[in-house]
Amino acid sequence: MSVIHEHTHHHPHDHEHHLAGAGTSERAFGGPVVVDIGPDVGALVVYLGSEWLDDELHLRSLDRADWSTHTGVWERRLGGSRRLVAAVYPSLPSGSYGILDRGGKTVVRVVDVEEARVAEVDLR
């Protein structure tokens, strides 16, 4: 399951999310995703390279300067043997977001999340 929560501050901080398999030889796989979209709410899927596995991907709202969030990056299985690495934000207020670099500071891509839709961005 993706870990997602809102941050309303702009200073760096350290904290841990206890990801299944993190720090062990067991690879953590994200399970099925349920998105919660509708009026004024959309979702976002960001496809990433394998170097992002077990990391976090940060987003910053471009509409609300005090709003940011992050979620875990997981390897996901599609069908039988197909696998991909993705960060999933299952429920975001519609608006414009900056996808941040690994340091969580610089916007590397801007994406618009529309109500009742799932936006997809490929950063591989």
C-alpha atoms as a PDB file:
ATOM      1  CA  MET A   1       0.000   0.000   0.000  1.00  0.00           C
ATOM      2  CA  SER A   2       1.276   3.488  -0.797  1.00  0.00           C
ATOM      3  CA  VAL A   3       1.953   5.735   2.148  1.00  0.00           C
ATOM      4  CA  ILE A   4       0.662   9.229   1.436  1.00  0.00           C
ATOM      5  CA  HIS A   5       0.134  12.196   3.654  1.00  0.00           C
ATOM      6  CA  GLU A   6       0.015  15.928   3.366  1.00  0.00           C
ATOM      7  CA  HIS A   7       2.751  18.294   4.475  1.00  0.00           C
ATOM      8  CA  THR A   8       2.150  21.976   5.059  1.00  0.00           C
ATOM      9  CA  HIS A   9       5.715  23.045   5.756  1.00  0.00           C
ATOM     10  CA  HIS A  10       8.724  23.815   3.601  1.00  0.00           C
ATOM     11  CA  HIS A  11      11.679  22.658   5.668  1.00  0.00           C
ATOM     12  CA  PRO A  12      13.451  19.345   5.145  1.00  0.00           C
ATOM     13  CA  HIS A  13      12.677  16.598   7.593  1.00  0.00           C
ATOM     14  CA  ASP A  14      13.729  13.032   8.213  1.00  0.00           C
ATOM     15  CA  HIS A  15      11.298  10.286   8.946  1.00  0.00           C
ATOM     16  CA  GLU A  16      10.874   6.624   8.123  1.00  0.00           C
ATOM     17  CA  HIS A  17       8.092   4.739   6.489  1.00  0.00           C
ATOM     18  CA  HIS A  18       8.361   1.069   7.264  1.00  0.00           C
ATOM     19  CA  LEU A  19       8.143  -0.396   3.775  1.00  0.00           C
ATOM     20  CA  ALA A  20       7.662  -4.138   3.448  1.00  0.00           C
ATOM     21  CA  GLY A  21      10.910  -5.660   2.361  1.00  0.00           C
ATOM     22  CA  ALA A  22      12.941  -2.465   2.691  1.00  0.00           C
ATOM     23  CA  GLY A  23      16.457  -3.144   3.898  1.00  0.00           C
ATOM     24  CA  THR A  24      16.151  -6.867   3.248  1.00  0.00           C
ATOM     25  CA  SER A  25      16.742  -9.119   0.279  1.00  0.00           C
ATOM     26  CA  GLU A  26      12.971  -9.406  -0.123  1.00  0.00           C
ATOM     27  CA  ARG A  27      11.654  -6.995  -2.760  1.00  0.00           C
ATOM     28  CA  ALA A  28       8.591  -5.018  -1.733  1.00  0.00           C
ATOM     29  CA  PHE A  29       5.800  -5.167  -4.295  1.00  0.00           C
ATOM     30  CA  GLY A  30       2.912  -2.757  -4.351  1.00  0.00           C
ATOM     31  CA  GLY A  31      -0.433  -4.482  -4.451  1.00  0.00           C
ATOM     32  CA  PRO A  32      -3.549  -3.492  -6.311  1.00  0.00           C
ATOM     33  CA  VAL A  33      -4.351   0.201  -6.206  1.00  0.00           C
ATOM     34  CA  VAL A  34      -7.757   1.651  -5.438  1.00  0.00           C
ATOM     35  CA  VAL A  35      -8.127   5.242  -6.566  1.00  0.00           C
ATOM     36  CA  ASP A  36     -10.579   7.644  -4.961  1.00  0.00           C
ATOM     37  CA  ILE A  37     -11.530  10.101  -7.705  1.00  0.00           C
ATOM     38  CA  GLY A  38     -14.593  12.203  -8.437  1.00  0.00           C
ATOM     39  CA  PRO A  39     -15.664  15.833  -8.236  1.00  0.00           C
ATOM     40  CA  ASP A  40     -12.564  18.014  -7.690  1.00  0.00           C
ATOM     41  CA  VAL A  41     -10.386  14.905  -7.082  1.00  0.00           C
ATOM     42  CA  GLY A  42      -8.129  12.975  -9.462  1.00  0.00           C
ATOM     43  CA  ALA A  43      -5.232  10.531  -9.207  1.00  0.00           C
ATOM     44  CA  LEU A  44      -1.663  10.385 -10.525  1.00  0.00           C
ATOM     45  CA  VAL A  45       0.595   7.503 -11.566  1.00  0.00           C
ATOM     46  CA  VAL A  46       4.295   8.252 -12.182  1.00  0.00           C
ATOM     47  CA  TYR A  47       6.397   5.586 -13.914  1.00  0.00           C
ATOM     48  CA  LEU A  48      10.043   5.580 -12.820  1.00  0.00           C
ATOM     49  CA  GLY A  49      13.295   3.697 -13.363  1.00  0.00           C
ATOM     50  CA  SER A  50      14.347   0.883 -11.044  1.00  0.00           C
ATOM     51  CA  GLU A  51      16.828   3.173  -9.249  1.00  0.00           C
ATOM     52  CA  TRP A  52      13.779   4.673  -7.483  1.00  0.00           C
ATOM     53  CA  LEU A  53      12.662   1.385  -5.885  1.00  0.00           C
ATOM     54  CA  ASP A  54      11.917   1.647  -2.159  1.00  0.00           C
ATOM     55  CA  ASP A  55      12.347   5.439  -2.304  1.00  0.00           C
ATOM     56  CA  GLU A  56       9.740   8.198  -2.073  1.00  0.00           C
ATOM     57  CA  LEU A  57       8.536  10.588  -4.758  1.00  0.00           C
ATOM     58  CA  HIS A  58       7.538  14.071  -3.647  1.00  0.00           C
ATOM     59  CA  LEU A  59       4.913  16.360  -5.191  1.00  0.00           C
ATOM     60  CA  ARG A  60       4.355  20.046  -4.623  1.00  0.00           C
ATOM     61  CA  SER A  61       1.091  21.794  -5.404  1.00  0.00           C
ATOM     62  CA  LEU A  62       1.596  24.700  -7.794  1.00  0.00           C
ATOM     63  CA  ASP A  63      -1.810  26.077  -6.800  1.00  0.00           C
ATOM     64  CA  ARG A  64      -1.277  26.035  -3.014  1.00  0.00           C
ATOM     65  CA  ALA A  65       2.205  27.078  -1.943  1.00  0.00           C
ATOM     66  CA  ASP A  66       1.824  25.418   1.481  1.00  0.00           C
ATOM     67  CA  TRP A  67       0.844  21.948   0.193  1.00  0.00           C
ATOM     68  CA  SER A  68       3.068  18.979  -0.642  1.00  0.00           C
ATOM     69  CA  THR A  69       2.898  15.219  -0.337  1.00  0.00           C
ATOM     70  CA  HIS A  70       4.893  12.089  -1.078  1.00  0.00           C
ATOM     71  CA  THR A  71       4.330   8.406  -1.656  1.00  0.00           C
ATOM     72  CA  GLY A  72       6.401   5.242  -1.836  1.00  0.00           C
ATOM     73  CA  VAL A  73       7.854   3.942  -5.085  1.00  0.00           C
ATOM     74  CA  TRP A  74       7.044   0.275  -5.613  1.00  0.00           C
ATOM     75  CA  GLU A  75       7.572  -2.416  -8.169  1.00  0.00           C
ATOM     76  CA  ARG A  76       4.153  -3.422  -9.450  1.00  0.00           C
ATOM     77  CA  ARG A  77       3.219  -6.600 -11.284  1.00  0.00           C
ATOM     78  CA  LEU A  78       0.933  -6.322 -14.268  1.00  0.00           C
ATOM     79  CA  GLY A  79      -0.511  -9.574 -15.446  1.00  0.00           C
ATOM     80  CA  GLY A  80       1.756 -12.598 -15.322  1.00  0.00           C
ATOM     81  CA  SER A  81       5.366 -11.504 -15.640  1.00  0.00           C
ATOM     82  CA  ARG A  82       5.248  -7.829 -16.617  1.00  0.00           C
ATOM     83  CA  ARG A  83       6.652  -5.511 -13.943  1.00  0.00           C
ATOM     84  CA  LEU A  84       7.073  -1.772 -13.662  1.00  0.00           C
ATOM     85  CA  VAL A  85       8.193   0.754 -11.076  1.00  0.00           C
ATOM     86  CA  ALA A  86       5.614   3.366 -10.133  1.00  0.00           C
ATOM     87  CA  ALA A  87       4.549   5.929  -7.570  1.00  0.00           C
ATOM     88  CA  VAL A  88       0.772   6.158  -7.187  1.00  0.00           C
ATOM     89  CA  TYR A  89      -1.127   9.074  -5.695  1.00  0.00           C
ATOM     90  CA  PRO A  90      -4.641   7.591  -5.436  1.00  0.00           C
ATOM     91  CA  SER A  91      -6.475  10.781  -4.497  1.00  0.00           C
ATOM     92  CA  LEU A  92      -5.313  14.347  -5.201  1.00  0.00           C
ATOM     93  CA  PRO A  93      -7.238  17.606  -5.321  1.00  0.00           C
ATOM     94  CA  SER A  94      -7.502  18.631  -8.970  1.00  0.00           C
ATOM     95  CA  GLY A  95      -4.854  21.162  -9.927  1.00  0.00           C
ATOM     96  CA  SER A  96      -1.261  21.564 -11.099  1.00  0.00           C
ATOM     97  CA  TYR A  97       1.606  19.763  -9.404  1.00  0.00           C
ATOM     98  CA  GLY A  98       5.370  19.809  -9.628  1.00  0.00           C
ATOM     99  CA  ILE A  99       6.998  16.386  -9.487  1.00  0.00           C
ATOM    100  CA  LEU A 100      10.214  16.861  -7.503  1.00  0.00           C
ATOM    101  CA  ASP A 101      13.704  15.422  -7.952  1.00  0.00           C
ATOM    102  CA  ARG A 102      15.213  12.867  -5.594  1.00  0.00           C
ATOM    103  CA  GLY A 103      16.256  15.615  -3.203  1.00  0.00           C
ATOM    104  CA  GLY A 104      12.639  16.800  -3.005  1.00  0.00           C
ATOM    105  CA  LYS A 105      13.507  20.375  -3.949  1.00  0.00           C
ATOM    106  CA  THR A 106      13.535  20.938  -7.719  1.00  0.00           C
ATOM    107  CA  VAL A 107      10.536  20.496 -10.011  1.00  0.00           C
ATOM    108  CA  VAL A 108      11.439  18.095 -12.832  1.00  0.00           C
ATOM    109  CA  ARG A 109       8.000  17.900 -14.446  1.00  0.00           C
ATOM    110  CA  VAL A 110       4.672  19.677 -14.145  1.00  0.00           C
ATOM    111  CA  VAL A 111       1.457  17.668 -14.367  1.00  0.00           C
ATOM    112  CA  ASP A 112      -2.200  18.680 -14.288  1.00  0.00           C
ATOM    113  CA  VAL A 113      -4.495  16.415 -12.304  1.00  0.00           C
ATOM    114  CA  GLU A 114      -8.079  16.703 -13.498  1.00  0.00           C
ATOM    115  CA  GLU A 115     -11.149  15.777 -11.511  1.00  0.00           C
ATOM    116  CA  ALA A 116     -12.404  12.223 -11.993  1.00  0.00           C
ATOM    117  CA  ARG A 117      -9.333  11.269 -14.105  1.00  0.00           C
ATOM    118  CA  VAL A 118      -6.069   9.410 -13.601  1.00  0.00           C
ATOM    119  CA  ALA A 119      -3.062  11.340 -14.940  1.00  0.00           C
ATOM    120  CA  GLU A 120       0.020   9.359 -15.992  1.00  0.00           C
ATOM    121  CA  VAL A 121       3.606  10.595 -16.312  1.00  0.00           C
ATOM    122  CA  ASP A 122       6.521   8.509 -17.580  1.00  0.00           C
ATOM    123  CA  LEU A 123       9.883   9.584 -16.092  1.00  0.00           C
ATOM    124  CA  ARG A 124      11.832   6.460 -17.114  1.00  0.00           C
END
